Amino acid sequence: MHISDFMVHIHEALSPEQQCQLEDFVRQQPCVVGAGMSARNSHLMTVAYDSECGTAHSILTRVREKVTGAEMIGL
């Protein structure tokens, strides 16, 4: 397993409940090994995934099913 990660910036304001739901949704995606919202900035989520199994782009596409205003940053 080769673990990579990326950061997602979410433009929409999410309630704490919506943040938890999004984290759970992302964690359930194929190849994802972890996801978590930033404690300091609720607009940032880090996603760790097995890069031999999937891509950051494919995971971001799934995130956008739940929040349309999402983009990768820091790449």
N, C-alpha and C. Protein backbone atom coordinates (compact mmCIF):
# COMPACT_ATOMS: atom_id res chain seq x y z
N MET A 1 0.85 -1.17 0.00
CA MET A 1 0.00 0.00 0.00
C MET A 1 0.90 1.24 0.00
N HIS A 2 0.60 2.19 -0.88
CA HIS A 2 1.32 3.45 -0.94
C HIS A 2 0.34 4.56 -0.56
N ILE A 3 0.57 5.15 0.60
CA ILE A 3 -0.35 6.17 1.11
C ILE A 3 0.08 7.55 0.62
N SER A 4 -0.87 8.25 0.04
CA SER A 4 -0.70 9.65 -0.37
C SER A 4 -1.82 10.43 0.28
N ASP A 5 -1.66 11.73 0.31
CA ASP A 5 -2.76 12.54 0.84
C ASP A 5 -2.86 13.84 0.08
N PHE A 6 -4.00 14.48 0.24
CA PHE A 6 -4.22 15.79 -0.37
C PHE A 6 -5.21 16.56 0.48
N MET A 7 -5.25 17.85 0.26
CA MET A 7 -6.13 18.74 1.01
C MET A 7 -7.26 19.20 0.10
N VAL A 8 -8.46 19.24 0.66
CA VAL A 8 -9.63 19.73 -0.06
C VAL A 8 -10.10 21.01 0.62
N HIS A 9 -10.28 22.06 -0.16
CA HIS A 9 -10.88 23.30 0.35
C HIS A 9 -12.35 23.27 -0.02
N ILE A 10 -13.20 23.46 1.00
CA ILE A 10 -14.64 23.43 0.81
C ILE A 10 -15.16 24.86 0.94
N HIS A 11 -15.74 25.36 -0.12
CA HIS A 11 -16.19 26.75 -0.16
C HIS A 11 -17.47 26.97 0.64
N GLU A 12 -18.28 25.94 0.75
CA GLU A 12 -19.56 26.06 1.46
C GLU A 12 -19.34 26.03 2.97
N ALA A 13 -20.17 26.75 3.69
CA ALA A 13 -20.14 26.68 5.15
C ALA A 13 -20.94 25.46 5.58
N LEU A 14 -20.28 24.52 6.26
CA LEU A 14 -20.93 23.30 6.70
C LEU A 14 -21.10 23.33 8.21
N SER A 15 -22.23 22.85 8.68
CA SER A 15 -22.46 22.71 10.12
C SER A 15 -21.57 21.58 10.63
N PRO A 16 -21.34 21.50 11.93
CA PRO A 16 -20.55 20.37 12.46
C PRO A 16 -21.15 19.02 12.07
N GLU A 17 -22.45 18.91 12.03
CA GLU A 17 -23.10 17.66 11.62
C GLU A 17 -22.80 17.34 10.16
N GLN A 18 -22.87 18.35 9.30
CA GLN A 18 -22.58 18.16 7.88
C GLN A 18 -21.11 17.78 7.67
N GLN A 19 -20.22 18.37 8.47
CA GLN A 19 -18.80 18.02 8.38
C GLN A 19 -18.59 16.55 8.71
N CYS A 20 -19.23 16.07 9.77
CA CYS A 20 -19.11 14.66 10.15
C CYS A 20 -19.67 13.75 9.06
N GLN A 21 -20.79 14.14 8.48
CA GLN A 21 -21.39 13.34 7.41
C GLN A 21 -20.46 13.28 6.20
N LEU A 22 -19.83 14.41 5.87
CA LEU A 22 -18.90 14.44 4.74
C LEU A 22 -17.69 13.56 5.02
N GLU A 23 -17.12 13.67 6.22
CA GLU A 23 -15.98 12.83 6.59
C GLU A 23 -16.36 11.35 6.45
N ASP A 24 -17.50 10.97 6.99
CA ASP A 24 -17.95 9.57 6.90
C ASP A 24 -18.12 9.13 5.46
N PHE A 25 -18.72 9.99 4.64
CA PHE A 25 -18.92 9.68 3.22
C PHE A 25 -17.57 9.44 2.54
N VAL A 26 -16.61 10.32 2.77
CA VAL A 26 -15.31 10.20 2.12
C VAL A 26 -14.58 8.95 2.60
N ARG A 27 -14.65 8.66 3.89
CA ARG A 27 -13.98 7.46 4.42
C ARG A 27 -14.52 6.18 3.81
N GLN A 28 -15.76 6.19 3.36
CA GLN A 28 -16.38 4.99 2.78
C GLN A 28 -16.01 4.79 1.31
N GLN A 29 -15.31 5.73 0.71
CA GLN A 29 -14.97 5.63 -0.71
C GLN A 29 -13.84 4.63 -0.91
N PRO A 30 -13.87 3.93 -2.04
CA PRO A 30 -12.79 2.98 -2.33
C PRO A 30 -11.43 3.68 -2.30
N CYS A 31 -10.45 3.02 -1.74
CA CYS A 31 -9.06 3.47 -1.70
C CYS A 31 -8.77 4.49 -0.60
N VAL A 32 -9.78 5.08 0.01
CA VAL A 32 -9.56 6.07 1.08
C VAL A 32 -9.24 5.33 2.37
N VAL A 33 -8.17 5.79 3.04
CA VAL A 33 -7.79 5.19 4.32
C VAL A 33 -8.06 6.13 5.49
N GLY A 34 -8.34 7.40 5.20
CA GLY A 34 -8.66 8.35 6.26
C GLY A 34 -9.07 9.69 5.70
N ALA A 35 -9.90 10.39 6.47
CA ALA A 35 -10.33 11.73 6.09
C ALA A 35 -10.70 12.49 7.35
N GLY A 36 -10.34 13.76 7.40
CA GLY A 36 -10.67 14.54 8.58
C GLY A 36 -10.66 16.03 8.30
N MET A 37 -11.62 16.70 8.90
CA MET A 37 -11.70 18.16 8.80
C MET A 37 -10.66 18.77 9.72
N SER A 38 -10.13 19.91 9.34
CA SER A 38 -9.16 20.63 10.16
C SER A 38 -9.84 21.20 11.41
N ALA A 39 -9.19 21.05 12.54
CA ALA A 39 -9.73 21.60 13.79
C ALA A 39 -9.65 23.12 13.79
N ARG A 40 -8.68 23.68 13.08
CA ARG A 40 -8.50 25.14 13.05
C ARG A 40 -9.27 25.82 11.94
N ASN A 41 -9.50 25.12 10.84
CA ASN A 41 -10.18 25.72 9.70
C ASN A 41 -11.19 24.72 9.14
N SER A 42 -12.44 24.96 9.42
CA SER A 42 -13.48 24.00 9.04
C SER A 42 -13.73 23.93 7.53
N HIS A 43 -12.99 24.71 6.76
CA HIS A 43 -13.13 24.64 5.30
C HIS A 43 -12.09 23.72 4.67
N LEU A 44 -11.24 23.10 5.51
CA LEU A 44 -10.18 22.23 4.99
C LEU A 44 -10.36 20.81 5.47
N MET A 45 -10.19 19.88 4.55
CA MET A 45 -10.25 18.46 4.89
C MET A 45 -9.05 17.76 4.25
N THR A 46 -8.37 16.95 5.04
CA THR A 46 -7.27 16.14 4.53
C THR A 46 -7.80 14.74 4.24
N VAL A 47 -7.40 14.22 3.09
CA VAL A 47 -7.82 12.88 2.68
C VAL A 47 -6.56 12.06 2.41
N ALA A 48 -6.45 10.91 3.07
CA ALA A 48 -5.36 9.97 2.82
C ALA A 48 -5.93 8.79 2.04
N TYR A 49 -5.16 8.31 1.05
CA TYR A 49 -5.66 7.23 0.20
C TYR A 49 -4.51 6.38 -0.32
N ASP A 50 -4.84 5.20 -0.76
CA ASP A 50 -3.88 4.27 -1.36
C ASP A 50 -3.72 4.65 -2.83
N SER A 51 -2.57 5.21 -3.16
CA SER A 51 -2.35 5.70 -4.53
C SER A 51 -2.17 4.57 -5.54
N GLU A 52 -2.00 3.35 -5.08
CA GLU A 52 -1.96 2.21 -6.00
C GLU A 52 -3.37 1.77 -6.39
N CYS A 53 -4.35 2.25 -5.66
CA CYS A 53 -5.73 1.83 -5.84
C CYS A 53 -6.57 2.90 -6.55
N GLY A 54 -6.31 4.15 -6.26
CA GLY A 54 -7.13 5.22 -6.83
C GLY A 54 -6.35 6.52 -6.95
N THR A 55 -7.07 7.57 -7.37
CA THR A 55 -6.43 8.87 -7.57
C THR A 55 -7.13 9.94 -6.74
N ALA A 56 -6.40 11.01 -6.47
CA ALA A 56 -6.98 12.14 -5.76
C ALA A 56 -8.14 12.73 -6.56
N HIS A 57 -7.98 12.78 -7.86
CA HIS A 57 -9.03 13.34 -8.71
C HIS A 57 -10.33 12.54 -8.60
N SER A 58 -10.23 11.22 -8.60
CA SER A 58 -11.45 10.41 -8.50
C SER A 58 -12.13 10.59 -7.15
N ILE A 59 -11.35 10.75 -6.11
CA ILE A 59 -11.92 10.99 -4.78
C ILE A 59 -12.56 12.37 -4.73
N LEU A 60 -11.89 13.37 -5.29
CA LEU A 60 -12.45 14.73 -5.33
C LEU A 60 -13.77 14.74 -6.08
N THR A 61 -13.87 13.98 -7.14
CA THR A 61 -15.13 13.88 -7.89
C THR A 61 -16.25 13.40 -6.99
N ARG A 62 -15.97 12.42 -6.15
CA ARG A 62 -16.98 11.91 -5.21
C ARG A 62 -17.32 12.97 -4.16
N VAL A 63 -16.31 13.70 -3.66
CA VAL A 63 -16.57 14.78 -2.68
C VAL A 63 -17.53 15.80 -3.28
N ARG A 64 -17.33 16.11 -4.55
CA ARG A 64 -18.18 17.10 -5.22
C ARG A 64 -19.62 16.64 -5.39
N GLU A 65 -19.88 15.36 -5.21
CA GLU A 65 -21.26 14.88 -5.21
C GLU A 65 -22.01 15.40 -3.97
N LYS A 66 -21.26 15.66 -2.91
CA LYS A 66 -21.86 16.12 -1.65
C LYS A 66 -21.74 17.62 -1.45
N VAL A 67 -20.61 18.20 -1.89
CA VAL A 67 -20.39 19.65 -1.78
C VAL A 67 -19.84 20.13 -3.12
N THR A 68 -20.60 20.95 -3.80
CA THR A 68 -20.19 21.36 -5.14
C THR A 68 -18.99 22.30 -5.12
N GLY A 69 -18.83 23.05 -4.05
CA GLY A 69 -17.71 23.99 -3.97
C GLY A 69 -16.52 23.39 -3.29
N ALA A 70 -15.89 22.39 -3.92
CA ALA A 70 -14.71 21.74 -3.35
C ALA A 70 -13.61 21.71 -4.39
N GLU A 71 -12.38 21.97 -3.92
CA GLU A 71 -11.24 21.91 -4.83
C GLU A 71 -10.00 21.43 -4.08
N MET A 72 -9.10 20.80 -4.82
CA MET A 72 -7.82 20.38 -4.25
C MET A 72 -6.93 21.59 -4.10
N ILE A 73 -6.18 21.63 -3.02
CA ILE A 73 -5.21 22.72 -2.84
C ILE A 73 -3.87 22.14 -2.43
N GLY A 74 -2.85 22.92 -2.62
CA GLY A 74 -1.52 22.54 -2.17
C GLY A 74 -0.82 21.54 -3.04
N LEU A 75 -1.24 21.37 -4.28
CA LEU A 75 -0.56 20.41 -5.16
C LEU A 75 0.33 21.15 -6.12
